[in-house]
Amino acid sequence: MAKQLKKNDTVVVIAGAQRGKRGRVLQVQREKGRVVVEGVNARKKATRRSADKPQGGIESIECPVHISNVMLEEVYNARHPEGAQAADQSKTPAVAAPAPLES
């Protein structure tokens, strides 16, 4: 049986419009079979004025994604070597090589 996803796991979206994005699991809805991933499937929502938000306005919220459309980052990197290289490059800044000296 596959490892269960938990809160704060890092996952990669493997299907859908957000394919290839990586993020941290914020919430797992086991009975619905969905997960909320940080920075993935964000939607705009209009909010009314209230005591909490006197201005109201439009806010961005993350909507759930079906659990079959995400994969643990470790598993994804093991299956896709190019994905692991892309993840490593995004974590470390690229340093330009020094130019050769002309004599």
PDB file of N, CA and C in Angstrom:
ATOM      1  N   MET A   1       0.840  -1.186   0.000  1.00  0.00           N
ATOM      2  CA  MET A   1       0.000   0.000   0.000  1.00  0.00           C
ATOM      3  C   MET A   1       0.878   1.239   0.000  1.00  0.00           C
ATOM      4  N   ALA A   2       0.446   2.251  -0.715  1.00  0.00           N
ATOM      5  CA  ALA A   2       1.213   3.490  -0.827  1.00  0.00           C
ATOM      6  C   ALA A   2       1.204   4.255   0.491  1.00  0.00           C
ATOM      7  N   LYS A   3       2.255   5.044   0.691  1.00  0.00           N
ATOM      8  CA  LYS A   3       2.357   5.856   1.897  1.00  0.00           C
ATOM      9  C   LYS A   3       1.274   6.928   1.886  1.00  0.00           C
ATOM     10  N   GLN A   4       0.642   7.141   3.009  1.00  0.00           N
ATOM     11  CA  GLN A   4      -0.410   8.144   3.123  1.00  0.00           C
ATOM     12  C   GLN A   4       0.204   9.544   3.159  1.00  0.00           C
ATOM     13  N   LEU A   5      -0.470  10.495   2.555  1.00  0.00           N
ATOM     14  CA  LEU A   5      -0.034  11.883   2.618  1.00  0.00           C
ATOM     15  C   LEU A   5      -0.423  12.468   3.967  1.00  0.00           C
ATOM     16  N   LYS A   6       0.460  13.299   4.504  1.00  0.00           N
ATOM     17  CA  LYS A   6       0.206  13.953   5.781  1.00  0.00           C
ATOM     18  C   LYS A   6       0.409  15.446   5.616  1.00  0.00           C
ATOM     19  N   LYS A   7      -0.053  16.181   6.589  1.00  0.00           N
ATOM     20  CA  LYS A   7       0.150  17.615   6.612  1.00  0.00           C
ATOM     21  C   LYS A   7       1.644  17.908   6.644  1.00  0.00           C
ATOM     22  N   ASN A   8       2.079  18.945   5.940  1.00  0.00           N
ATOM     23  CA  ASN A   8       3.471  19.408   5.832  1.00  0.00           C
ATOM     24  C   ASN A   8       4.348  18.534   4.941  1.00  0.00           C
ATOM     25  N   ASP A   9       3.806  17.497   4.277  1.00  0.00           N
ATOM     26  CA  ASP A   9       4.573  16.757   3.276  1.00  0.00           C
ATOM     27  C   ASP A   9       4.758  17.643   2.054  1.00  0.00           C
ATOM     28  N   THR A  10       5.877  17.477   1.351  1.00  0.00           N
ATOM     29  CA  THR A  10       6.094  18.202   0.108  1.00  0.00           C
ATOM     30  C   THR A  10       5.663  17.300  -1.039  1.00  0.00           C
ATOM     31  N   VAL A  11       4.804  17.844  -1.923  1.00  0.00           N
ATOM     32  CA  VAL A  11       4.251  17.050  -3.016  1.00  0.00           C
ATOM     33  C   VAL A  11       4.456  17.772  -4.345  1.00  0.00           C
ATOM     34  N   VAL A  12       4.308  16.997  -5.434  1.00  0.00           N
ATOM     35  CA  VAL A  12       4.378  17.516  -6.792  1.00  0.00           C
ATOM     36  C   VAL A  12       3.043  17.202  -7.451  1.00  0.00           C
ATOM     37  N   VAL A  13       2.467  18.168  -8.151  1.00  0.00           N
ATOM     38  CA  VAL A  13       1.222  17.939  -8.883  1.00  0.00           C
ATOM     39  C   VAL A  13       1.586  17.233 -10.178  1.00  0.00           C
ATOM     40  N   ILE A  14       0.970  16.072 -10.440  1.00  0.00           N
ATOM     41  CA  ILE A  14       1.338  15.263 -11.601  1.00  0.00           C
ATOM     42  C   ILE A  14       0.300  15.303 -12.712  1.00  0.00           C
ATOM     43  N   ALA A  15      -0.858  15.932 -12.477  1.00  0.00           N
ATOM     44  CA  ALA A  15      -1.896  15.994 -13.504  1.00  0.00           C
ATOM     45  C   ALA A  15      -2.688  17.274 -13.347  1.00  0.00           C
ATOM     46  N   GLY A  16      -3.253  17.732 -14.450  1.00  0.00           N
ATOM     47  CA  GLY A  16      -4.110  18.909 -14.414  1.00  0.00           C
ATOM     48  C   GLY A  16      -3.397  20.171 -14.853  1.00  0.00           C
ATOM     49  N   ALA A  17      -4.098  21.286 -14.723  1.00  0.00           N
ATOM     50  CA  ALA A  17      -3.580  22.573 -15.178  1.00  0.00           C
ATOM     51  C   ALA A  17      -2.366  23.029 -14.374  1.00  0.00           C
ATOM     52  N   GLN A  18      -2.247  22.584 -13.128  1.00  0.00           N
ATOM     53  CA  GLN A  18      -1.150  23.004 -12.249  1.00  0.00           C
ATOM     54  C   GLN A  18       0.018  22.002 -12.284  1.00  0.00           C
ATOM     55  N   ARG A  19       0.060  21.151 -13.299  1.00  0.00           N
ATOM     56  CA  ARG A  19       1.050  20.083 -13.397  1.00  0.00           C
ATOM     57  C   ARG A  19       2.479  20.608 -13.278  1.00  0.00           C
ATOM     58  N   GLY A  20       3.294  19.917 -12.450  1.00  0.00           N
ATOM     59  CA  GLY A  20       4.686  20.287 -12.271  1.00  0.00           C
ATOM     60  C   GLY A  20       4.945  21.198 -11.085  1.00  0.00           C
ATOM     61  N   LYS A  21       3.913  21.790 -10.517  1.00  0.00           N
ATOM     62  CA  LYS A  21       4.109  22.676  -9.368  1.00  0.00           C
ATOM     63  C   LYS A  21       4.378  21.846  -8.118  1.00  0.00           C
ATOM     64  N   ARG A  22       5.196  22.411  -7.247  1.00  0.00           N
ATOM     65  CA  ARG A  22       5.529  21.767  -5.980  1.00  0.00           C
ATOM     66  C   ARG A  22       5.003  22.621  -4.851  1.00  0.00           C
ATOM     67  N   GLY A  23       4.614  21.953  -3.767  1.00  0.00           N
ATOM     68  CA  GLY A  23       4.113  22.702  -2.630  1.00  0.00           C
ATOM     69  C   GLY A  23       3.980  21.824  -1.404  1.00  0.00           C
ATOM     70  N   ARG A  24       3.654  22.471  -0.289  1.00  0.00           N
ATOM     71  CA  ARG A  24       3.506  21.794   1.001  1.00  0.00           C
ATOM     72  C   ARG A  24       2.027  21.535   1.244  1.00  0.00           C
ATOM     73  N   VAL A  25       1.707  20.356   1.774  1.00  0.00           N
ATOM     74  CA  VAL A  25       0.323  20.001   2.063  1.00  0.00           C
ATOM     75  C   VAL A  25      -0.137  20.787   3.289  1.00  0.00           C
ATOM     76  N   LEU A  26      -1.228  21.549   3.122  1.00  0.00           N
ATOM     77  CA  LEU A  26      -1.783  22.329   4.220  1.00  0.00           C
ATOM     78  C   LEU A  26      -2.888  21.582   4.947  1.00  0.00           C
ATOM     79  N   GLN A  27      -3.631  20.758   4.204  1.00  0.00           N
ATOM     80  CA  GLN A  27      -4.775  20.060   4.789  1.00  0.00           C
ATOM     81  C   GLN A  27      -5.050  18.797   3.984  1.00  0.00           C
ATOM     82  N   VAL A  28      -5.456  17.720   4.670  1.00  0.00           N
ATOM     83  CA  VAL A  28      -5.839  16.474   4.014  1.00  0.00           C
ATOM     84  C   VAL A  28      -7.294  16.194   4.353  1.00  0.00           C
ATOM     85  N   GLN A  29      -8.119  16.024   3.321  1.00  0.00           N
ATOM     86  CA  GLN A  29      -9.538  15.703   3.493  1.00  0.00           C
ATOM     87  C   GLN A  29      -9.728  14.240   3.075  1.00  0.00           C
ATOM     88  N   ARG A  30      -9.489  13.322   4.001  1.00  0.00           N
ATOM     89  CA  ARG A  30      -9.491  11.893   3.681  1.00  0.00           C
ATOM     90  C   ARG A  30     -10.851  11.386   3.204  1.00  0.00           C
ATOM     91  N   GLU A  31     -11.942  11.845   3.833  1.00  0.00           N
ATOM     92  CA  GLU A  31     -13.261  11.352   3.455  1.00  0.00           C
ATOM     93  C   GLU A  31     -13.650  11.790   2.045  1.00  0.00           C
ATOM     94  N   LYS A  32     -13.124  12.932   1.582  1.00  0.00           N
ATOM     95  CA  LYS A  32     -13.405  13.411   0.234  1.00  0.00           C
ATOM     96  C   LYS A  32     -12.324  13.009  -0.756  1.00  0.00           C
ATOM     97  N   GLY A  33     -11.177  12.539  -0.254  1.00  0.00           N
ATOM     98  CA  GLY A  33     -10.078  12.146  -1.126  1.00  0.00           C
ATOM     99  C   GLY A  33      -9.369  13.334  -1.770  1.00  0.00           C
ATOM    100  N   ARG A  34      -9.238  14.414  -1.016  1.00  0.00           N
ATOM    101  CA  ARG A  34      -8.633  15.633  -1.549  1.00  0.00           C
ATOM    102  C   ARG A  34      -7.583  16.184  -0.595  1.00  0.00           C
ATOM    103  N   VAL A  35      -6.662  16.985  -1.152  1.00  0.00           N
ATOM    104  CA  VAL A  35      -5.644  17.658  -0.353  1.00  0.00           C
ATOM    105  C   VAL A  35      -5.570  19.122  -0.780  1.00  0.00           C
ATOM    106  N   VAL A  36      -5.221  19.987   0.164  1.00  0.00           N
ATOM    107  CA  VAL A  36      -4.995  21.402  -0.124  1.00  0.00           C
ATOM    108  C   VAL A  36      -3.488  21.604  -0.109  1.00  0.00           C
ATOM    109  N   VAL A  37      -2.959  22.100  -1.236  1.00  0.00           N
ATOM    110  CA  VAL A  37      -1.513  22.281  -1.391  1.00  0.00           C
ATOM    111  C   VAL A  37      -1.209  23.768  -1.493  1.00  0.00           C
ATOM    112  N   GLU A  38      -0.194  24.203  -0.778  1.00  0.00           N
ATOM    113  CA  GLU A  38       0.187  25.615  -0.739  1.00  0.00           C
ATOM    114  C   GLU A  38       0.647  26.084  -2.116  1.00  0.00           C
ATOM    115  N   GLY A  39       0.025  27.163  -2.604  1.00  0.00           N
ATOM    116  CA  GLY A  39       0.408  27.746  -3.881  1.00  0.00           C
ATOM    117  C   GLY A  39      -0.140  27.041  -5.105  1.00  0.00           C
ATOM    118  N   VAL A  40      -1.003  26.053  -4.920  1.00  0.00           N
ATOM    119  CA  VAL A  40      -1.561  25.293  -6.039  1.00  0.00           C
ATOM    120  C   VAL A  40      -3.076  25.451  -6.031  1.00  0.00           C
ATOM    121  N   ASN A  41      -3.666  25.612  -7.221  1.00  0.00           N
ATOM    122  CA  ASN A  41      -5.116  25.698  -7.389  1.00  0.00           C
ATOM    123  C   ASN A  41      -5.702  26.880  -6.610  1.00  0.00           C
ATOM    124  N   ALA A  42      -5.045  28.020  -6.692  1.00  0.00           N
ATOM    125  CA  ALA A  42      -5.512  29.218  -5.992  1.00  0.00           C
ATOM    126  C   ALA A  42      -6.672  29.842  -6.761  1.00  0.00           C
ATOM    127  N   ARG A  43      -7.675  30.274  -6.038  1.00  0.00           N
ATOM    128  CA  ARG A  43      -8.854  30.908  -6.617  1.00  0.00           C
ATOM    129  C   ARG A  43      -9.070  32.249  -5.926  1.00  0.00           C
ATOM    130  N   LYS A  44      -9.721  33.166  -6.621  1.00  0.00           N
ATOM    131  CA  LYS A  44     -10.067  34.468  -6.050  1.00  0.00           C
ATOM    132  C   LYS A  44     -11.477  34.378  -5.476  1.00  0.00           C
ATOM    133  N   LYS A  45     -11.668  34.971  -4.298  1.00  0.00           N
ATOM    134  CA  LYS A  45     -12.969  34.946  -3.646  1.00  0.00           C
ATOM    135  C   LYS A  45     -13.298  36.352  -3.156  1.00  0.00           C
ATOM    136  N   ALA A  46     -14.489  36.808  -3.487  1.00  0.00           N
ATOM    137  CA  ALA A  46     -14.942  38.124  -3.022  1.00  0.00           C
ATOM    138  C   ALA A  46     -15.479  37.979  -1.606  1.00  0.00           C
ATOM    139  N   THR A  47     -15.050  38.882  -0.713  1.00  0.00           N
ATOM    140  CA  THR A  47     -15.518  38.840   0.671  1.00  0.00           C
ATOM    141  C   THR A  47     -16.256  40.123   1.002  1.00  0.00           C
ATOM    142  N   ARG A  48     -17.319  39.978   1.770  1.00  0.00           N
ATOM    143  CA  ARG A  48     -18.096  41.138   2.210  1.00  0.00           C
ATOM    144  C   ARG A  48     -17.374  41.854   3.337  1.00  0.00           C
ATOM    145  N   ARG A  49     -17.775  43.067   3.599  1.00  0.00           N
ATOM    146  CA  ARG A  49     -17.242  43.789   4.749  1.00  0.00           C
ATOM    147  C   ARG A  49     -17.734  43.125   6.022  1.00  0.00           C
ATOM    148  N   SER A  50     -16.863  43.049   7.003  1.00  0.00           N
ATOM    149  CA  SER A  50     -17.235  42.477   8.296  1.00  0.00           C
ATOM    150  C   SER A  50     -16.369  43.117   9.370  1.00  0.00           C
ATOM    151  N   ALA A  51     -16.588  42.704  10.600  1.00  0.00           N
ATOM    152  CA  ALA A  51     -15.779  43.235  11.696  1.00  0.00           C
ATOM    153  C   ALA A  51     -14.323  42.783  11.548  1.00  0.00           C
ATOM    154  N   ASP A  52     -14.122  41.551  11.060  1.00  0.00           N
ATOM    155  CA  ASP A  52     -12.772  41.035  10.868  1.00  0.00           C
ATOM    156  C   ASP A  52     -12.070  41.718   9.700  1.00  0.00           C
ATOM    157  N   LYS A  53     -12.832  41.953   8.616  1.00  0.00           N
ATOM    158  CA  LYS A  53     -12.264  42.570   7.418  1.00  0.00           C
ATOM    159  C   LYS A  53     -13.114  43.770   7.031  1.00  0.00           C
ATOM    160  N   PRO A  54     -12.830  44.931   7.616  1.00  0.00           N
ATOM    161  CA  PRO A  54     -13.670  46.104   7.367  1.00  0.00           C
ATOM    162  C   PRO A  54     -13.637  46.584   5.912  1.00  0.00           C
ATOM    163  N   GLN A  55     -12.578  46.312   5.185  1.00  0.00           N
ATOM    164  CA  GLN A  55     -12.494  46.730   3.787  1.00  0.00           C
ATOM    165  C   GLN A  55     -13.199  45.756   2.842  1.00  0.00           C
ATOM    166  N   GLY A  56     -13.325  44.479   3.252  1.00  0.00           N
ATOM    167  CA  GLY A  56     -13.856  43.485   2.325  1.00  0.00           C
ATOM    168  C   GLY A  56     -12.847  43.267   1.214  1.00  0.00           C
ATOM    169  N   GLY A  57     -13.324  42.999  -0.003  1.00  0.00           N
ATOM    170  CA  GLY A  57     -12.430  42.905  -1.149  1.00  0.00           C
ATOM    171  C   GLY A  57     -12.285  41.501  -1.682  1.00  0.00           C
ATOM    172  N   ILE A  58     -11.227  41.294  -2.444  1.00  0.00           N
ATOM    173  CA  ILE A  58     -10.977  40.010  -3.097  1.00  0.00           C
ATOM    174  C   ILE A  58      -9.749  39.379  -2.456  1.00  0.00           C
ATOM    175  N   GLU A  59      -9.889  38.135  -2.051  1.00  0.00           N
ATOM    176  CA  GLU A  59      -8.767  37.415  -1.450  1.00  0.00           C
ATOM    177  C   GLU A  59      -8.512  36.133  -2.220  1.00  0.00           C
ATOM    178  N   SER A  60      -7.293  35.636  -2.134  1.00  0.00           N
ATOM    179  CA  SER A  60      -6.906  34.421  -2.833  1.00  0.00           C
ATOM    180  C   SER A  60      -6.891  33.263  -1.843  1.00  0.00           C
ATOM    181  N   ILE A  61      -7.579  32.172  -2.197  1.00  0.00           N
ATOM    182  CA  ILE A  61      -7.599  30.988  -1.332  1.00  0.00           C
ATOM    183  C   ILE A  61      -7.174  29.770  -2.140  1.00  0.00           C
ATOM    184  N   GLU A  62      -6.570  28.781  -1.469  1.00  0.00           N
ATOM    185  CA  GLU A  62      -6.196  27.540  -2.126  1.00  0.00           C
ATOM    186  C   GLU A  62      -7.359  26.564  -2.043  1.00  0.00           C
ATOM    187  N   CYS A  63      -7.728  26.006  -3.176  1.00  0.00           N
ATOM    188  CA  CYS A  63      -8.806  25.027  -3.232  1.00  0.00           C
ATOM    189  C   CYS A  63      -8.199  23.625  -3.247  1.00  0.00           C
ATOM    190  N   PRO A  64      -8.974  22.619  -2.828  1.00  0.00           N
ATOM    191  CA  PRO A  64      -8.441  21.265  -2.788  1.00  0.00           C
ATOM    192  C   PRO A  64      -8.206  20.664  -4.177  1.00  0.00           C
ATOM    193  N   VAL A  65      -7.251  19.742  -4.239  1.00  0.00           N
ATOM    194  CA  VAL A  65      -6.912  18.991  -5.439  1.00  0.00           C
ATOM    195  C   VAL A  65      -7.146  17.520  -5.118  1.00  0.00           C
ATOM    196  N   HIS A  66      -7.581  16.740  -6.106  1.00  0.00           N
ATOM    197  CA  HIS A  66      -7.798  15.316  -5.844  1.00  0.00           C
ATOM    198  C   HIS A  66      -6.477  14.650  -5.500  1.00  0.00           C
ATOM    199  N   ILE A  67      -6.530  13.722  -4.570  1.00  0.00           N
ATOM    200  CA  ILE A  67      -5.315  13.103  -4.030  1.00  0.00           C
ATOM    201  C   ILE A  67      -4.568  12.289  -5.092  1.00  0.00           C
ATOM    202  N   SER A  68      -5.286  11.841  -6.136  1.00  0.00           N
ATOM    203  CA  SER A  68      -4.627  11.073  -7.197  1.00  0.00           C
ATOM    204  C   SER A  68      -3.793  11.959  -8.113  1.00  0.00           C
ATOM    205  N   ASN A  69      -3.962  13.269  -8.028  1.00  0.00           N
ATOM    206  CA  ASN A  69      -3.224  14.191  -8.879  1.00  0.00           C
ATOM    207  C   ASN A  69      -1.942  14.704  -8.254  1.00  0.00           C
ATOM    208  N   VAL A  70      -1.595  14.233  -7.059  1.00  0.00           N
ATOM    209  CA  VAL A  70      -0.355  14.647  -6.409  1.00  0.00           C
ATOM    210  C   VAL A  70       0.471  13.415  -6.047  1.00  0.00           C
ATOM    211  N   MET A  71       1.781  13.642  -5.929  1.00  0.00           N
ATOM    212  CA  MET A  71       2.705  12.565  -5.578  1.00  0.00           C
ATOM    213  C   MET A  71       3.755  13.135  -4.635  1.00  0.00           C
ATOM    214  N   LEU A  72       4.182  12.334  -3.676  1.00  0.00           N
ATOM    215  CA  LEU A  72       5.243  12.771  -2.772  1.00  0.00           C
ATOM    216  C   LEU A  72       6.483  13.164  -3.573  1.00  0.00           C
ATOM    217  N   GLU A  73       7.143  14.222  -3.153  1.00  0.00           N
ATOM    218  CA  GLU A  73       8.298  14.735  -3.899  1.00  0.00           C
ATOM    219  C   GLU A  73       9.428  13.711  -3.966  1.00  0.00           C
ATOM    220  N   GLU A  74       9.657  12.960  -2.883  1.00  0.00           N
ATOM    221  CA  GLU A  74      10.741  11.962  -2.880  1.00  0.00           C
ATOM    222  C   GLU A  74      10.481  10.880  -3.922  1.00  0.00           C
ATOM    223  N   VAL A  75       9.238  10.434  -4.015  1.00  0.00           N
ATOM    224  CA  VAL A  75       8.867   9.387  -4.973  1.00  0.00           C
ATOM    225  C   VAL A  75       8.990   9.937  -6.400  1.00  0.00           C
ATOM    226  N   TYR A  76       8.526  11.159  -6.601  1.00  0.00           N
ATOM    227  CA  TYR A  76       8.592  11.783  -7.925  1.00  0.00           C
ATOM    228  C   TYR A  76      10.039  11.933  -8.381  1.00  0.00           C
ATOM    229  N   ASN A  77      10.911  12.396  -7.488  1.00  0.00           N
ATOM    230  CA  ASN A  77      12.317  12.581  -7.843  1.00  0.00           C
ATOM    231  C   ASN A  77      13.006  11.259  -8.134  1.00  0.00           C
ATOM    232  N   ALA A  78      12.603  10.185  -7.464  1.00  0.00           N
ATOM    233  CA  ALA A  78      13.189   8.870  -7.715  1.00  0.00           C
ATOM    234  C   ALA A  78      12.790   8.352  -9.099  1.00  0.00           C
ATOM    235  N   ARG A  79      11.585   8.671  -9.540  1.00  0.00           N
ATOM    236  CA  ARG A  79      11.097   8.197 -10.839  1.00  0.00           C
ATOM    237  C   ARG A  79      11.499   9.105 -11.995  1.00  0.00           C
ATOM    238  N   HIS A  80      11.706  10.376 -11.724  1.00  0.00           N
ATOM    239  CA  HIS A  80      12.017  11.352 -12.757  1.00  0.00           C
ATOM    240  C   HIS A  80      13.317  12.080 -12.402  1.00  0.00           C
ATOM    241  N   PRO A  81      14.445  11.621 -12.917  1.00  0.00           N
ATOM    242  CA  PRO A  81      15.711  12.273 -12.563  1.00  0.00           C
ATOM    243  C   PRO A  81      15.756  13.738 -12.962  1.00  0.00           C
ATOM    244  N   GLU A  82      15.093  14.108 -14.070  1.00  0.00           N
ATOM    245  CA  GLU A  82      15.092  15.515 -14.472  1.00  0.00           C
ATOM    246  C   GLU A  82      14.329  16.366 -13.476  1.00  0.00           C
ATOM    247  N   GLY A  83      13.326  15.793 -12.818  1.00  0.00           N
ATOM    248  CA  GLY A  83      12.574  16.515 -11.795  1.00  0.00           C
ATOM    249  C   GLY A  83      13.425  16.790 -10.566  1.00  0.00           C
ATOM    250  N   ALA A  84      14.275  15.844 -10.213  1.00  0.00           N
ATOM    251  CA  ALA A  84      15.166  16.029  -9.068  1.00  0.00           C
ATOM    252  C   ALA A  84      16.183  17.122  -9.363  1.00  0.00           C
ATOM    253  N   GLN A  85      16.691  17.165 -10.594  1.00  0.00           N
ATOM    254  CA  GLN A  85      17.661  18.198 -10.955  1.00  0.00           C
ATOM    255  C   GLN A  85      17.004  19.571 -10.941  1.00  0.00           C
ATOM    256  N   ALA A  86      15.766  19.651 -11.416  1.00  0.00           N
ATOM    257  CA  ALA A  86      15.060  20.936 -11.426  1.00  0.00           C
ATOM    258  C   ALA A  86      14.803  21.410 -10.003  1.00  0.00           C
ATOM    259  N   ALA A  87      14.465  20.485  -9.109  1.00  0.00           N
ATOM    260  CA  ALA A  87      14.222  20.853  -7.718  1.00  0.00           C
ATOM    261  C   ALA A  87      15.508  21.330  -7.057  1.00  0.00           C
ATOM    262  N   ASP A  88      16.626  20.671  -7.353  1.00  0.00           N
ATOM    263  CA  ASP A  88      17.901  21.076  -6.774  1.00  0.00           C
ATOM    264  C   ASP A  88      18.316  22.461  -7.275  1.00  0.00           C
ATOM    265  N   GLN A  89      18.084  22.739  -8.551  1.00  0.00           N
ATOM    266  CA  GLN A  89      18.454  24.035  -9.105  1.00  0.00           C
ATOM    267  C   GLN A  89      17.613  25.153  -8.522  1.00  0.00           C
ATOM    268  N   SER A  90      16.350  24.865  -8.221  1.00  0.00           N
ATOM    269  CA  SER A  90      15.492  25.914  -7.676  1.00  0.00           C
ATOM    270  C   SER A  90      15.838  26.218  -6.225  1.00  0.00           C
ATOM    271  N   LYS A  91      16.431  25.267  -5.517  1.00  0.00           N
ATOM    272  CA  LYS A  91      16.780  25.482  -4.115  1.00  0.00           C
ATOM    273  C   LYS A  91      18.098  26.228  -3.957  1.00  0.00           C
ATOM    274  N   THR A  92      19.035  26.005  -4.888  1.00  0.00           N
ATOM    275  CA  THR A  92      20.333  26.665  -4.786  1.00  0.00           C
ATOM    276  C   THR A  92      20.457  27.679  -5.910  1.00  0.00           C
ATOM    277  N   PRO A  93      20.927  28.886  -5.602  1.00  0.00           N
ATOM    278  CA  PRO A  93      21.069  29.892  -6.666  1.00  0.00           C
ATOM    279  C   PRO A  93      22.191  29.521  -7.610  1.00  0.00           C
ATOM    280  N   ALA A  94      22.000  29.810  -8.881  1.00  0.00           N
ATOM    281  CA  ALA A  94      23.006  29.525  -9.894  1.00  0.00           C
ATOM    282  C   ALA A  94      24.152  30.520  -9.750  1.00  0.00           C
ATOM    283  N   VAL A  95      25.380  30.004  -9.764  1.00  0.00           N
ATOM    284  CA  VAL A  95      26.564  30.835  -9.657  1.00  0.00           C
ATOM    285  C   VAL A  95      27.276  30.784 -11.002  1.00  0.00           C
ATOM    286  N   ALA A  96      27.544  31.937 -11.576  1.00  0.00           N
ATOM    287  CA  ALA A  96      28.209  31.988 -12.874  1.00  0.00           C
ATOM    288  C   ALA A  96      29.683  31.612 -12.716  1.00  0.00           C
ATOM    289  N   ALA A  97      30.193  30.856 -13.687  1.00  0.00           N
ATOM    290  CA  ALA A  97      31.589  30.469 -13.664  1.00  0.00           C
ATOM    291  C   ALA A  97      32.436  31.672 -14.043  1.00  0.00           C
ATOM    292  N   PRO A  98      33.629  31.802 -13.432  1.00  0.00           N
ATOM    293  CA  PRO A  98      34.481  32.948 -13.763  1.00  0.00           C
ATOM    294  C   PRO A  98      34.968  32.856 -15.215  1.00  0.00           C
ATOM    295  N   ALA A  99      35.084  33.999 -15.857  1.00  0.00           N
ATOM    296  CA  ALA A  99      35.537  34.038 -17.248  1.00  0.00           C
ATOM    297  C   ALA A  99      37.024  33.699 -17.312  1.00  0.00           C
ATOM    298  N   PRO A 100      37.451  32.977 -18.376  1.00  0.00           N
ATOM    299  CA  PRO A 100      38.876  32.642 -18.482  1.00  0.00           C
ATOM    300  C   PRO A 100      39.709  33.904 -18.749  1.00  0.00           C
ATOM    301  N   LEU A 101      40.911  33.892 -18.213  1.00  0.00           N
ATOM    302  CA  LEU A 101      41.802  35.052 -18.365  1.00  0.00           C
ATOM    303  C   LEU A 101      42.464  34.994 -19.735  1.00  0.00           C
ATOM    304  N   GLU A 102      42.525  36.156 -20.391  1.00  0.00           N
ATOM    305  CA  GLU A 102      43.176  36.225 -21.700  1.00  0.00           C
ATOM    306  C   GLU A 102      44.602  36.718 -21.519  1.00  0.00           C
ATOM    307  N   SER A 103      45.531  36.050 -22.173  1.00  0.00           N
ATOM    308  CA  SER A 103      46.933  36.457 -22.056  1.00  0.00           C
ATOM    309  C   SER A 103      47.476  36.958 -23.370  1.00  0.00           C
TER     310      SER A 103
END
